[in-house]
Every structure is written in structure tokens, then in C-alpha cells.
């Protein structure tokens, strides 16, 4: 998981906030937190969390979270016998069609083919 390797770089207090946010995202994959809830758990404003992600991760928190969920989904597809619908649900997607579209956009192939 390439994105996790980045987590271990020490860059100060703001970087620690990013680390906590990413760890929360990784723990809470099945029912993803919305940005407001994530911000409250971090003791930050929504705007500040967006700024931190733009600064350190070069994307918005929602996009980063989606990437983590898709990485986890790919792991499930490769390492378990779960069907696409089951993988979608355990990675926080309520609709298999939405999951399939996001997966295809991210990896270039539909989850059934992967």
C-alpha cells in the first residue's frame, strides 16, 4: 500500500494531524466518515483539514479516502473469495454499480476482471 509508506515521514504537528486522519480513515473503511465528522474527531475545522490534505497529500480528503477504500477493495478481491457486491459493502460503497465505476476509473479495469 504505497500511500501508507508516506505516513511515516515526521514533519511536525500538522503532519501528525494528517497521520491521525489517515489512521482513522483506514480503521473506518466500512462506513466512511464524512469530512465534518472527521474534522471534529481531529479537533480541526473542515476547511483546515482540506488545507492540510491539499498541502501534504496534494488532494482533498474525500479523494484520498476513496483511494484508501479502493486499495482495500483490491486487496479483498485478490486475497478473498468475496463477490464484488460483498467487497463494495465492506469498503463503504452502498451500491455495487458506484463501486465498479470508481474502481474502473481508478485501476482501468472493472473489479470483476481484476
PDB file of N, CA and C in Angstrom:
ATOM      1  N   UNK A   1       0.840  -1.157   0.000  1.00  0.00           N
ATOM      2  CA  UNK A   1       0.000   0.000   0.000  1.00  0.00           C
ATOM      3  C   UNK A   1       0.892   1.228   0.000  1.00  0.00           C
ATOM      4  N   UNK A   2       1.136   1.795  -1.111  1.00  0.00           N
ATOM      5  CA  UNK A   2       2.082   2.874  -1.296  1.00  0.00           C
ATOM      6  C   UNK A   2       1.733   4.091  -0.452  1.00  0.00           C
ATOM      7  N   UNK A   3       0.463   4.421  -0.311  1.00  0.00           N
ATOM      8  CA  UNK A   3       0.075   5.606   0.434  1.00  0.00           C
ATOM      9  C   UNK A   3       0.463   5.496   1.903  1.00  0.00           C
ATOM     10  N   UNK A   4       0.477   4.283   2.476  1.00  0.00           N
ATOM     11  CA  UNK A   4       0.865   4.120   3.874  1.00  0.00           C
ATOM     12  C   UNK A   4       2.332   4.441   4.100  1.00  0.00           C
ATOM     13  N   UNK A   5       3.196   4.212   3.124  1.00  0.00           N
ATOM     14  CA  UNK A   5       4.614   4.491   3.270  1.00  0.00           C
ATOM     15  C   UNK A   5       4.845   5.979   3.553  1.00  0.00           C
ATOM     16  N   UNK A   6       4.018   6.820   3.007  1.00  0.00           N
ATOM     17  CA  UNK A   6       4.154   8.266   3.177  1.00  0.00           C
ATOM     18  C   UNK A   6       3.836   8.674   4.612  1.00  0.00           C
ATOM     19  N   UNK A   7       3.002   7.927   5.293  1.00  0.00           N
ATOM     20  CA  UNK A   7       2.532   8.286   6.631  1.00  0.00           C
ATOM     21  C   UNK A   7       3.681   8.416   7.628  1.00  0.00           C
ATOM     22  N   UNK A   8       4.773   7.729   7.423  1.00  0.00           N
ATOM     23  CA  UNK A   8       5.802   7.646   8.436  1.00  0.00           C
ATOM     24  C   UNK A   8       6.844   8.760   8.372  1.00  0.00           C
ATOM     25  N   UNK A   9       6.667   9.760   7.552  1.00  0.00           N
ATOM     26  CA  UNK A   9       7.616  10.863   7.466  1.00  0.00           C
ATOM     27  C   UNK A   9       7.306  11.900   8.549  1.00  0.00           C
ATOM     28  N   UNK A  10       8.230  12.175   9.462  1.00  0.00           N
ATOM     29  CA  UNK A  10       7.976  13.167  10.514  1.00  0.00           C
ATOM     30  C   UNK A  10       8.122  14.590   9.987  1.00  0.00           C
ATOM     31  N   UNK A  11       7.059  15.368  10.058  1.00  0.00           N
ATOM     32  CA  UNK A  11       7.107  16.738   9.561  1.00  0.00           C
ATOM     33  C   UNK A  11       6.509  17.747  10.527  1.00  0.00           C
ATOM     34  N   UNK A  12       6.254  17.387  11.759  1.00  0.00           N
ATOM     35  CA  UNK A  12       5.730  18.343  12.716  1.00  0.00           C
ATOM     36  C   UNK A  12       4.266  18.107  13.052  1.00  0.00           C
ATOM     37  N   UNK A  13       3.703  19.076  13.768  1.00  0.00           N
ATOM     38  CA  UNK A  13       2.349  18.956  14.313  1.00  0.00           C
ATOM     39  C   UNK A  13       1.303  18.772  13.219  1.00  0.00           C
ATOM     40  N   UNK A  14       1.375  19.566  12.158  1.00  0.00           N
ATOM     41  CA  UNK A  14       0.378  19.423  11.093  1.00  0.00           C
ATOM     42  C   UNK A  14       0.458  18.040  10.465  1.00  0.00           C
ATOM     43  N   UNK A  15       1.658  17.537  10.274  1.00  0.00           N
ATOM     44  CA  UNK A  15       1.814  16.200   9.695  1.00  0.00           C
ATOM     45  C   UNK A  15       1.211  15.155  10.623  1.00  0.00           C
ATOM     46  N   UNK A  16       1.329  15.346  11.921  1.00  0.00           N
ATOM     47  CA  UNK A  16       0.728  14.415  12.872  1.00  0.00           C
ATOM     48  C   UNK A  16      -0.792  14.404  12.740  1.00  0.00           C
ATOM     49  N   UNK A  17      -1.393  15.567  12.476  1.00  0.00           N
ATOM     50  CA  UNK A  17      -2.839  15.620  12.247  1.00  0.00           C
ATOM     51  C   UNK A  17      -3.216  14.802  11.013  1.00  0.00           C
ATOM     52  N   UNK A  18      -2.407  14.896   9.970  1.00  0.00           N
ATOM     53  CA  UNK A  18      -2.653  14.107   8.759  1.00  0.00           C
ATOM     54  C   UNK A  18      -2.538  12.625   9.075  1.00  0.00           C
ATOM     55  N   UNK A  19      -1.521  12.242   9.847  1.00  0.00           N
ATOM     56  CA  UNK A  19      -1.339  10.836  10.213  1.00  0.00           C
ATOM     57  C   UNK A  19      -2.566  10.301  10.953  1.00  0.00           C
ATOM     58  N   UNK A  20      -3.063  11.082  11.903  1.00  0.00           N
ATOM     59  CA  UNK A  20      -4.247  10.661  12.667  1.00  0.00           C
ATOM     60  C   UNK A  20      -5.444  10.530  11.736  1.00  0.00           C
ATOM     61  N   UNK A  21      -5.619  11.482  10.841  1.00  0.00           N
ATOM     62  CA  UNK A  21      -6.738  11.435   9.901  1.00  0.00           C
ATOM     63  C   UNK A  21      -6.662  10.180   9.036  1.00  0.00           C
ATOM     64  N   UNK A  22      -5.496   9.869   8.532  1.00  0.00           N
ATOM     65  CA  UNK A  22      -5.331   8.699   7.665  1.00  0.00           C
ATOM     66  C   UNK A  22      -5.556   7.414   8.451  1.00  0.00           C
ATOM     67  N   UNK A  23      -5.069   7.363   9.670  1.00  0.00           N
ATOM     68  CA  UNK A  23      -5.294   6.171  10.502  1.00  0.00           C
ATOM     69  C   UNK A  23      -6.782   5.975  10.764  1.00  0.00           C
ATOM     70  N   UNK A  24      -7.503   7.075  11.027  1.00  0.00           N
ATOM     71  CA  UNK A  24      -8.959   6.977  11.203  1.00  0.00           C
ATOM     72  C   UNK A  24      -9.618   6.455   9.929  1.00  0.00           C
ATOM     73  N   UNK A  25      -9.193   6.980   8.801  1.00  0.00           N
ATOM     74  CA  UNK A  25      -9.748   6.540   7.518  1.00  0.00           C
ATOM     75  C   UNK A  25      -9.518   5.045   7.317  1.00  0.00           C
ATOM     76  N   UNK A  26      -8.325   4.576   7.657  1.00  0.00           N
ATOM     77  CA  UNK A  26      -8.002   3.162   7.471  1.00  0.00           C
ATOM     78  C   UNK A  26      -8.814   2.266   8.407  1.00  0.00           C
ATOM     79  N   UNK A  27      -9.071   2.743   9.611  1.00  0.00           N
ATOM     80  CA  UNK A  27      -9.836   1.949  10.582  1.00  0.00           C
ATOM     81  C   UNK A  27     -11.315   1.947  10.228  1.00  0.00           C
ATOM     82  N   UNK A  28     -11.801   3.065   9.720  1.00  0.00           N
ATOM     83  CA  UNK A  28     -13.231   3.207   9.447  1.00  0.00           C
ATOM     84  C   UNK A  28     -13.448   3.189   7.929  1.00  0.00           C
ATOM     85  N   UNK A  29     -13.288   2.026   7.341  1.00  0.00           N
ATOM     86  CA  UNK A  29     -13.442   1.869   5.889  1.00  0.00           C
ATOM     87  C   UNK A  29     -14.877   1.497   5.542  1.00  0.00           C
ATOM     88  N   UNK A  30     -15.495   0.639   6.355  1.00  0.00           N
ATOM     89  CA  UNK A  30     -16.805   0.086   6.012  1.00  0.00           C
ATOM     90  C   UNK A  30     -17.906   1.143   5.966  1.00  0.00           C
ATOM     91  N   UNK A  31     -17.849   2.111   6.850  1.00  0.00           N
ATOM     92  CA  UNK A  31     -18.815   3.216   6.847  1.00  0.00           C
ATOM     93  C   UNK A  31     -18.019   4.508   6.935  1.00  0.00           C
ATOM     94  N   UNK A  32     -17.532   4.986   5.790  1.00  0.00           N
ATOM     95  CA  UNK A  32     -16.624   6.136   5.771  1.00  0.00           C
ATOM     96  C   UNK A  32     -17.192   7.362   6.479  1.00  0.00           C
ATOM     97  N   UNK A  33     -16.293   8.047   7.152  1.00  0.00           N
ATOM     98  CA  UNK A  33     -16.660   9.288   7.833  1.00  0.00           C
ATOM     99  C   UNK A  33     -16.821  10.409   6.815  1.00  0.00           C
ATOM    100  N   UNK A  34     -17.804  11.258   7.021  1.00  0.00           N
ATOM    101  CA  UNK A  34     -17.888  12.453   6.184  1.00  0.00           C
ATOM    102  C   UNK A  34     -16.851  13.449   6.708  1.00  0.00           C
ATOM    103  N   UNK A  35     -16.540  14.443   5.919  1.00  0.00           N
ATOM    104  CA  UNK A  35     -15.471  15.387   6.246  1.00  0.00           C
ATOM    105  C   UNK A  35     -15.740  16.138   7.548  1.00  0.00           C
ATOM    106  N   UNK A  36     -16.983  16.490   7.804  1.00  0.00           N
ATOM    107  CA  UNK A  36     -17.314  17.212   9.038  1.00  0.00           C
ATOM    108  C   UNK A  36     -17.020  16.349  10.267  1.00  0.00           C
ATOM    109  N   UNK A  37     -17.422  15.082  10.228  1.00  0.00           N
ATOM    110  CA  UNK A  37     -17.177  14.174  11.344  1.00  0.00           C
ATOM    111  C   UNK A  37     -15.683  13.932  11.531  1.00  0.00           C
ATOM    112  N   UNK A  38     -14.979  13.716  10.439  1.00  0.00           N
ATOM    113  CA  UNK A  38     -13.530  13.532  10.507  1.00  0.00           C
ATOM    114  C   UNK A  38     -12.871  14.762  11.130  1.00  0.00           C
ATOM    115  N   UNK A  39     -13.283  15.931  10.697  1.00  0.00           N
ATOM    116  CA  UNK A  39     -12.725  17.183  11.215  1.00  0.00           C
ATOM    117  C   UNK A  39     -12.952  17.310  12.712  1.00  0.00           C
ATOM    118  N   UNK A  40     -14.155  16.976  13.163  1.00  0.00           N
ATOM    119  CA  UNK A  40     -14.468  17.050  14.593  1.00  0.00           C
ATOM    120  C   UNK A  40     -13.603  16.085  15.392  1.00  0.00           C
ATOM    121  N   UNK A  41     -13.403  14.876  14.865  1.00  0.00           N
ATOM    122  CA  UNK A  41     -12.564  13.895  15.559  1.00  0.00           C
ATOM    123  C   UNK A  41     -11.117  14.370  15.668  1.00  0.00           C
ATOM    124  N   UNK A  42     -10.695  15.175  14.717  1.00  0.00           N
ATOM    125  CA  UNK A  42      -9.336  15.717  14.728  1.00  0.00           C
ATOM    126  C   UNK A  42      -9.232  17.013  15.529  1.00  0.00           C
ATOM    127  N   UNK A  43     -10.377  17.584  15.915  1.00  0.00           N
ATOM    128  CA  UNK A  43     -10.378  18.859  16.611  1.00  0.00           C
ATOM    129  C   UNK A  43      -9.978  20.009  15.692  1.00  0.00           C
ATOM    130  N   UNK A  44     -10.302  19.859  14.421  1.00  0.00           N
ATOM    131  CA  UNK A  44      -9.939  20.844  13.396  1.00  0.00           C
ATOM    132  C   UNK A  44     -11.211  21.316  12.698  1.00  0.00           C
ATOM    133  N   UNK A  45     -11.091  22.438  12.022  1.00  0.00           N
ATOM    134  CA  UNK A  45     -12.203  22.875  11.179  1.00  0.00           C
ATOM    135  C   UNK A  45     -12.154  22.083   9.874  1.00  0.00           C
ATOM    136  N   UNK A  46     -13.284  21.998   9.231  1.00  0.00           N
ATOM    137  CA  UNK A  46     -13.367  21.303   7.943  1.00  0.00           C
ATOM    138  C   UNK A  46     -12.396  21.935   6.940  1.00  0.00           C
ATOM    139  N   UNK A  47     -12.382  23.238   6.921  1.00  0.00           N
ATOM    140  CA  UNK A  47     -11.518  23.981   5.998  1.00  0.00           C
ATOM    141  C   UNK A  47     -10.041  23.683   6.252  1.00  0.00           C
ATOM    142  N   UNK A  48      -9.669  23.591   7.526  1.00  0.00           N
ATOM    143  CA  UNK A  48      -8.272  23.316   7.855  1.00  0.00           C
ATOM    144  C   UNK A  48      -7.870  21.906   7.445  1.00  0.00           C
ATOM    145  N   UNK A  49      -8.769  20.947   7.626  1.00  0.00           N
ATOM    146  CA  UNK A  49      -8.465  19.571   7.202  1.00  0.00           C
ATOM    147  C   UNK A  49      -8.277  19.528   5.687  1.00  0.00           C
ATOM    148  N   UNK A  50      -9.123  20.233   4.950  1.00  0.00           N
ATOM    149  CA  UNK A  50      -8.955  20.306   3.492  1.00  0.00           C
ATOM    150  C   UNK A  50      -7.601  20.923   3.142  1.00  0.00           C
ATOM    151  N   UNK A  51      -7.245  21.988   3.840  1.00  0.00           N
ATOM    152  CA  UNK A  51      -5.964  22.657   3.588  1.00  0.00           C
ATOM    153  C   UNK A  51      -4.782  21.723   3.870  1.00  0.00           C
ATOM    154  N   UNK A  52      -4.863  21.004   4.983  1.00  0.00           N
ATOM    155  CA  UNK A  52      -3.788  20.076   5.326  1.00  0.00           C
ATOM    156  C   UNK A  52      -3.621  19.000   4.252  1.00  0.00           C
ATOM    157  N   UNK A  53      -4.727  18.446   3.783  1.00  0.00           N
ATOM    158  CA  UNK A  53      -4.643  17.407   2.754  1.00  0.00           C
ATOM    159  C   UNK A  53      -4.120  17.972   1.440  1.00  0.00           C
ATOM    160  N   UNK A  54      -4.555  19.171   1.098  1.00  0.00           N
ATOM    161  CA  UNK A  54      -4.028  19.785  -0.135  1.00  0.00           C
ATOM    162  C   UNK A  54      -2.528  20.008  -0.024  1.00  0.00           C
ATOM    163  N   UNK A  55      -2.096  20.473   1.126  1.00  0.00           N
ATOM    164  CA  UNK A  55      -0.682  20.793   1.336  1.00  0.00           C
ATOM    165  C   UNK A  55       0.188  19.541   1.348  1.00  0.00           C
ATOM    166  N   UNK A  56      -0.205  18.538   2.121  1.00  0.00           N
ATOM    167  CA  UNK A  56       0.650  17.379   2.336  1.00  0.00           C
ATOM    168  C   UNK A  56       0.359  16.190   1.419  1.00  0.00           C
ATOM    169  N   UNK A  57      -0.873  16.072   0.939  1.00  0.00           N
ATOM    170  CA  UNK A  57      -1.243  14.902   0.145  1.00  0.00           C
ATOM    171  C   UNK A  57      -1.592  15.266  -1.304  1.00  0.00           C
ATOM    172  N   UNK A  58      -1.601  16.540  -1.614  1.00  0.00           N
ATOM    173  CA  UNK A  58      -1.917  17.037  -2.964  1.00  0.00           C
ATOM    174  C   UNK A  58      -3.295  16.626  -3.463  1.00  0.00           C
ATOM    175  N   UNK A  59      -4.237  16.466  -2.549  1.00  0.00           N
ATOM    176  CA  UNK A  59      -5.619  16.167  -2.940  1.00  0.00           C
ATOM    177  C   UNK A  59      -6.533  16.489  -1.763  1.00  0.00           C
ATOM    178  N   UNK A  60      -7.817  16.451  -2.020  1.00  0.00           N
ATOM    179  CA  UNK A  60      -8.797  16.670  -0.960  1.00  0.00           C
ATOM    180  C   UNK A  60      -8.970  15.391  -0.134  1.00  0.00           C
ATOM    181  N   UNK A  61      -9.423  15.517   1.114  1.00  0.00           N
ATOM    182  CA  UNK A  61      -9.568  14.345   1.971  1.00  0.00           C
ATOM    183  C   UNK A  61     -10.485  13.276   1.388  1.00  0.00           C
ATOM    184  N   UNK A  62     -11.578  13.679   0.752  1.00  0.00           N
ATOM    185  CA  UNK A  62     -12.504  12.702   0.182  1.00  0.00           C
ATOM    186  C   UNK A  62     -11.854  11.861  -0.907  1.00  0.00           C
ATOM    187  N   UNK A  63     -11.049  12.487  -1.726  1.00  0.00           N
ATOM    188  CA  UNK A  63     -10.357  11.760  -2.791  1.00  0.00           C
ATOM    189  C   UNK A  63      -9.325  10.796  -2.203  1.00  0.00           C
ATOM    190  N   UNK A  64      -8.618  11.237  -1.183  1.00  0.00           N
ATOM    191  CA  UNK A  64      -7.640  10.377  -0.531  1.00  0.00           C
ATOM    192  C   UNK A  64      -8.337   9.183   0.117  1.00  0.00           C
ATOM    193  N   UNK A  65      -9.434   9.444   0.808  1.00  0.00           N
ATOM    194  CA  UNK A  65     -10.220   8.393   1.462  1.00  0.00           C
ATOM    195  C   UNK A  65     -10.710   7.379   0.420  1.00  0.00           C
ATOM    196  N   UNK A  66     -11.214   7.871  -0.693  1.00  0.00           N
ATOM    197  CA  UNK A  66     -11.660   6.985  -1.771  1.00  0.00           C
ATOM    198  C   UNK A  66     -10.514   6.100  -2.239  1.00  0.00           C
ATOM    199  N   UNK A  67      -9.337   6.675  -2.381  1.00  0.00           N
ATOM    200  CA  UNK A  67      -8.170   5.892  -2.797  1.00  0.00           C
ATOM    201  C   UNK A  67      -7.849   4.785  -1.810  1.00  0.00           C
ATOM    202  N   UNK A  68      -7.919   5.084  -0.513  1.00  0.00           N
ATOM    203  CA  UNK A  68      -7.679   4.062   0.507  1.00  0.00           C
ATOM    204  C   UNK A  68      -8.715   2.947   0.428  1.00  0.00           C
ATOM    205  N   UNK A  69      -9.966   3.335   0.216  1.00  0.00           N
ATOM    206  CA  UNK A  69     -11.046   2.343   0.123  1.00  0.00           C
ATOM    207  C   UNK A  69     -10.864   1.455  -1.102  1.00  0.00           C
ATOM    208  N   UNK A  70     -10.407   2.035  -2.191  1.00  0.00           N
ATOM    209  CA  UNK A  70     -10.195   1.250  -3.410  1.00  0.00           C
ATOM    210  C   UNK A  70      -8.987   0.324  -3.274  1.00  0.00           C
ATOM    211  N   UNK A  71      -7.964   0.768  -2.580  1.00  0.00           N
ATOM    212  CA  UNK A  71      -6.821  -0.111  -2.299  1.00  0.00           C
ATOM    213  C   UNK A  71      -7.288  -1.302  -1.473  1.00  0.00           C
ATOM    214  N   UNK A  72      -8.080  -1.023  -0.441  1.00  0.00           N
ATOM    215  CA  UNK A  72      -8.600  -2.110   0.403  1.00  0.00           C
ATOM    216  C   UNK A  72      -9.485  -3.042  -0.420  1.00  0.00           C
ATOM    217  N   UNK A  73     -10.300  -2.479  -1.306  1.00  0.00           N
ATOM    218  CA  UNK A  73     -11.171  -3.301  -2.151  1.00  0.00           C
ATOM    219  C   UNK A  73     -10.339  -4.220  -3.029  1.00  0.00           C
ATOM    220  N   UNK A  74      -9.291  -3.695  -3.604  1.00  0.00           N
ATOM    221  CA  UNK A  74      -8.432  -4.516  -4.469  1.00  0.00           C
ATOM    222  C   UNK A  74      -7.792  -5.650  -3.672  1.00  0.00           C
ATOM    223  N   UNK A  75      -7.388  -5.350  -2.447  1.00  0.00           N
ATOM    224  CA  UNK A  75      -6.840  -6.395  -1.582  1.00  0.00           C
ATOM    225  C   UNK A  75      -7.869  -7.496  -1.343  1.00  0.00           C
ATOM    226  N   UNK A  76      -9.106  -7.097  -1.068  1.00  0.00           N
ATOM    227  CA  UNK A  76     -10.168  -8.086  -0.857  1.00  0.00           C
ATOM    228  C   UNK A  76     -10.392  -8.933  -2.111  1.00  0.00           C
ATOM    229  N   UNK A  77     -10.418  -8.288  -3.248  1.00  0.00           N
ATOM    230  CA  UNK A  77     -10.642  -9.017  -4.494  1.00  0.00           C
ATOM    231  C   UNK A  77      -9.529 -10.018  -4.773  1.00  0.00           C
ATOM    232  N   UNK A  78      -8.305  -9.653  -4.448  1.00  0.00           N
ATOM    233  CA  UNK A  78      -7.158 -10.524  -4.728  1.00  0.00           C
ATOM    234  C   UNK A  78      -6.943 -11.587  -3.659  1.00  0.00           C
ATOM    235  N   UNK A  79      -7.351 -11.313  -2.422  1.00  0.00           N
ATOM    236  CA  UNK A  79      -6.992 -12.189  -1.313  1.00  0.00           C
ATOM    237  C   UNK A  79      -8.145 -12.960  -0.692  1.00  0.00           C
ATOM    238  N   UNK A  80      -9.361 -12.686  -1.132  1.00  0.00           N
ATOM    239  CA  UNK A  80     -10.513 -13.404  -0.578  1.00  0.00           C
ATOM    240  C   UNK A  80     -11.374 -13.926  -1.717  1.00  0.00           C
ATOM    241  N   UNK A  81     -12.368 -14.690  -1.365  1.00  0.00           N
ATOM    242  CA  UNK A  81     -13.299 -15.200  -2.370  1.00  0.00           C
ATOM    243  C   UNK A  81     -14.609 -14.407  -2.373  1.00  0.00           C
ATOM    244  N   UNK A  82     -14.589 -13.207  -1.801  1.00  0.00           N
ATOM    245  CA  UNK A  82     -15.788 -12.370  -1.756  1.00  0.00           C
ATOM    246  C   UNK A  82     -16.191 -11.947  -3.169  1.00  0.00           C
ATOM    247  N   UNK A  83     -17.508 -11.847  -3.363  1.00  0.00           N
ATOM    248  CA  UNK A  83     -18.007 -11.352  -4.647  1.00  0.00           C
ATOM    249  C   UNK A  83     -17.945  -9.819  -4.638  1.00  0.00           C
ATOM    250  N   UNK A  84     -18.075  -9.224  -5.807  1.00  0.00           N
ATOM    251  CA  UNK A  84     -17.934  -7.771  -5.949  1.00  0.00           C
ATOM    252  C   UNK A  84     -18.879  -7.031  -5.010  1.00  0.00           C
ATOM    253  N   UNK A  85     -20.108  -7.464  -4.901  1.00  0.00           N
ATOM    254  CA  UNK A  85     -21.082  -6.805  -4.018  1.00  0.00           C
ATOM    255  C   UNK A  85     -20.597  -6.807  -2.572  1.00  0.00           C
ATOM    256  N   UNK A  86     -20.063  -7.926  -2.099  1.00  0.00           N
ATOM    257  CA  UNK A  86     -19.566  -8.011  -0.727  1.00  0.00           C
ATOM    258  C   UNK A  86     -18.372  -7.077  -0.513  1.00  0.00           C
ATOM    259  N   UNK A  87     -17.485  -7.033  -1.487  1.00  0.00           N
ATOM    260  CA  UNK A  87     -16.321  -6.156  -1.400  1.00  0.00           C
ATOM    261  C   UNK A  87     -16.778  -4.697  -1.368  1.00  0.00           C
ATOM    262  N   UNK A  88     -17.740  -4.370  -2.204  1.00  0.00           N
ATOM    263  CA  UNK A  88     -18.258  -2.999  -2.241  1.00  0.00           C
ATOM    264  C   UNK A  88     -18.760  -2.586  -0.862  1.00  0.00           C
ATOM    265  N   UNK A  89     -19.563  -3.419  -0.237  1.00  0.00           N
ATOM    266  CA  UNK A  89     -20.143  -3.096   1.069  1.00  0.00           C
ATOM    267  C   UNK A  89     -19.065  -2.984   2.141  1.00  0.00           C
ATOM    268  N   UNK A  90     -18.104  -3.912   2.156  1.00  0.00           N
ATOM    269  CA  UNK A  90     -17.094  -3.868   3.221  1.00  0.00           C
ATOM    270  C   UNK A  90     -16.093  -2.727   3.019  1.00  0.00           C
ATOM    271  N   UNK A  91     -16.136  -2.082   1.876  1.00  0.00           N
ATOM    272  CA  UNK A  91     -15.255  -0.934   1.628  1.00  0.00           C
ATOM    273  C   UNK A  91     -16.025   0.382   1.566  1.00  0.00           C
ATOM    274  N   UNK A  92     -17.263   0.363   2.059  1.00  0.00           N
ATOM    275  CA  UNK A  92     -18.011   1.600   2.236  1.00  0.00           C
ATOM    276  C   UNK A  92     -18.815   2.090   1.048  1.00  0.00           C
ATOM    277  N   UNK A  93     -19.103   1.217   0.098  1.00  0.00           N
ATOM    278  CA  UNK A  93     -19.917   1.599  -1.053  1.00  0.00           C
ATOM    279  C   UNK A  93     -21.300   0.968  -0.888  1.00  0.00           C
ATOM    280  N   UNK A  94     -22.337   1.781  -0.968  1.00  0.00           N
ATOM    281  CA  UNK A  94     -23.684   1.241  -0.791  1.00  0.00           C
ATOM    282  C   UNK A  94     -24.212   0.611  -2.082  1.00  0.00           C
ATOM    283  N   UNK A  95     -23.684   1.032  -3.211  1.00  0.00           N
ATOM    284  CA  UNK A  95     -24.119   0.493  -4.498  1.00  0.00           C
ATOM    285  C   UNK A  95     -22.947  -0.146  -5.237  1.00  0.00           C
ATOM    286  N   UNK A  96     -23.130  -1.378  -5.676  1.00  0.00           N
ATOM    287  CA  UNK A  96     -22.074  -2.075  -6.408  1.00  0.00           C
ATOM    288  C   UNK A  96     -21.742  -1.364  -7.715  1.00  0.00           C
ATOM    289  N   UNK A  97     -22.741  -0.751  -8.341  1.00  0.00           N
ATOM    290  CA  UNK A  97     -22.501  -0.049  -9.603  1.00  0.00           C
ATOM    291  C   UNK A  97     -21.583   1.158  -9.390  1.00  0.00           C
ATOM    292  N   UNK A  98     -21.797   1.890  -8.310  1.00  0.00           N
ATOM    293  CA  UNK A  98     -20.930   3.026  -7.996  1.00  0.00           C
ATOM    294  C   UNK A  98     -19.512   2.544  -7.693  1.00  0.00           C
ATOM    295  N   UNK A  99     -19.412   1.476  -6.920  1.00  0.00           N
ATOM    296  CA  UNK A  99     -18.109   0.895  -6.616  1.00  0.00           C
ATOM    297  C   UNK A  99     -17.391   0.480  -7.901  1.00  0.00           C
ATOM    298  N   UNK A 100     -18.098  -0.199  -8.778  1.00  0.00           N
ATOM    299  CA  UNK A 100     -17.493  -0.670 -10.030  1.00  0.00           C
ATOM    300  C   UNK A 100     -16.988   0.502 -10.877  1.00  0.00           C
ATOM    301  N   UNK A 101     -17.769   1.557 -10.931  1.00  0.00           N
ATOM    302  CA  UNK A 101     -17.372   2.733 -11.703  1.00  0.00           C
ATOM    303  C   UNK A 101     -16.117   3.381 -11.104  1.00  0.00           C
ATOM    304  N   UNK A 102     -16.103   3.563  -9.796  1.00  0.00           N
ATOM    305  CA  UNK A 102     -14.933   4.155  -9.131  1.00  0.00           C
ATOM    306  C   UNK A 102     -13.703   3.275  -9.309  1.00  0.00           C
ATOM    307  N   UNK A 103     -13.892   1.983  -9.175  1.00  0.00           N
ATOM    308  CA  UNK A 103     -12.782   1.025  -9.313  1.00  0.00           C
ATOM    309  C   UNK A 103     -12.208   1.080 -10.727  1.00  0.00           C
ATOM    310  N   UNK A 104     -13.088   1.064 -11.704  1.00  0.00           N
ATOM    311  CA  UNK A 104     -12.653   1.111 -13.115  1.00  0.00           C
ATOM    312  C   UNK A 104     -11.939   2.429 -13.413  1.00  0.00           C
ATOM    313  N   UNK A 105     -12.458   3.528 -12.895  1.00  0.00           N
ATOM    314  CA  UNK A 105     -11.813   4.823 -13.100  1.00  0.00           C
ATOM    315  C   UNK A 105     -10.415   4.860 -12.474  1.00  0.00           C
ATOM    316  N   UNK A 106     -10.266   4.221 -11.327  1.00  0.00           N
ATOM    317  CA  UNK A 106      -9.006   4.248 -10.592  1.00  0.00           C
ATOM    318  C   UNK A 106      -7.971   3.263 -11.161  1.00  0.00           C
ATOM    319  N   UNK A 107      -8.409   2.039 -11.467  1.00  0.00           N
ATOM    320  CA  UNK A 107      -7.486   0.985 -11.882  1.00  0.00           C
ATOM    321  C   UNK A 107      -7.500   0.687 -13.383  1.00  0.00           C
ATOM    322  N   UNK A 108      -8.493   1.201 -14.089  1.00  0.00           N
ATOM    323  CA  UNK A 108      -8.548   0.978 -15.533  1.00  0.00           C
ATOM    324  C   UNK A 108      -9.204  -0.324 -15.950  1.00  0.00           C
ATOM    325  N   UNK A 109      -9.642  -1.102 -14.978  1.00  0.00           N
ATOM    326  CA  UNK A 109     -10.344  -2.357 -15.257  1.00  0.00           C
ATOM    327  C   UNK A 109     -11.494  -2.489 -14.259  1.00  0.00           C
ATOM    328  N   UNK A 110     -12.578  -3.149 -14.641  1.00  0.00           N
ATOM    329  CA  UNK A 110     -13.673  -3.345 -13.693  1.00  0.00           C
ATOM    330  C   UNK A 110     -13.256  -4.367 -12.625  1.00  0.00           C
ATOM    331  N   UNK A 111     -13.866  -4.304 -11.448  1.00  0.00           N
ATOM    332  CA  UNK A 111     -13.474  -5.221 -10.373  1.00  0.00           C
ATOM    333  C   UNK A 111     -13.666  -6.694 -10.742  1.00  0.00           C
ATOM    334  N   UNK A 112     -14.644  -7.014 -11.531  1.00  0.00           N
ATOM    335  CA  UNK A 112     -14.863  -8.417 -11.934  1.00  0.00           C
ATOM    336  C   UNK A 112     -13.678  -8.966 -12.725  1.00  0.00           C
ATOM    337  N   UNK A 113     -13.015  -8.099 -13.478  1.00  0.00           N
ATOM    338  CA  UNK A 113     -11.870  -8.528 -14.289  1.00  0.00           C
ATOM    339  C   UNK A 113     -10.587  -8.601 -13.474  1.00  0.00           C
ATOM    340  N   UNK A 114     -10.566  -7.917 -12.365  1.00  0.00           N
ATOM    341  CA  UNK A 114      -9.343  -7.855 -11.558  1.00  0.00           C
ATOM    342  C   UNK A 114      -9.363  -9.015 -10.590  1.00  0.00           C
TER     343      UNK A 114
END
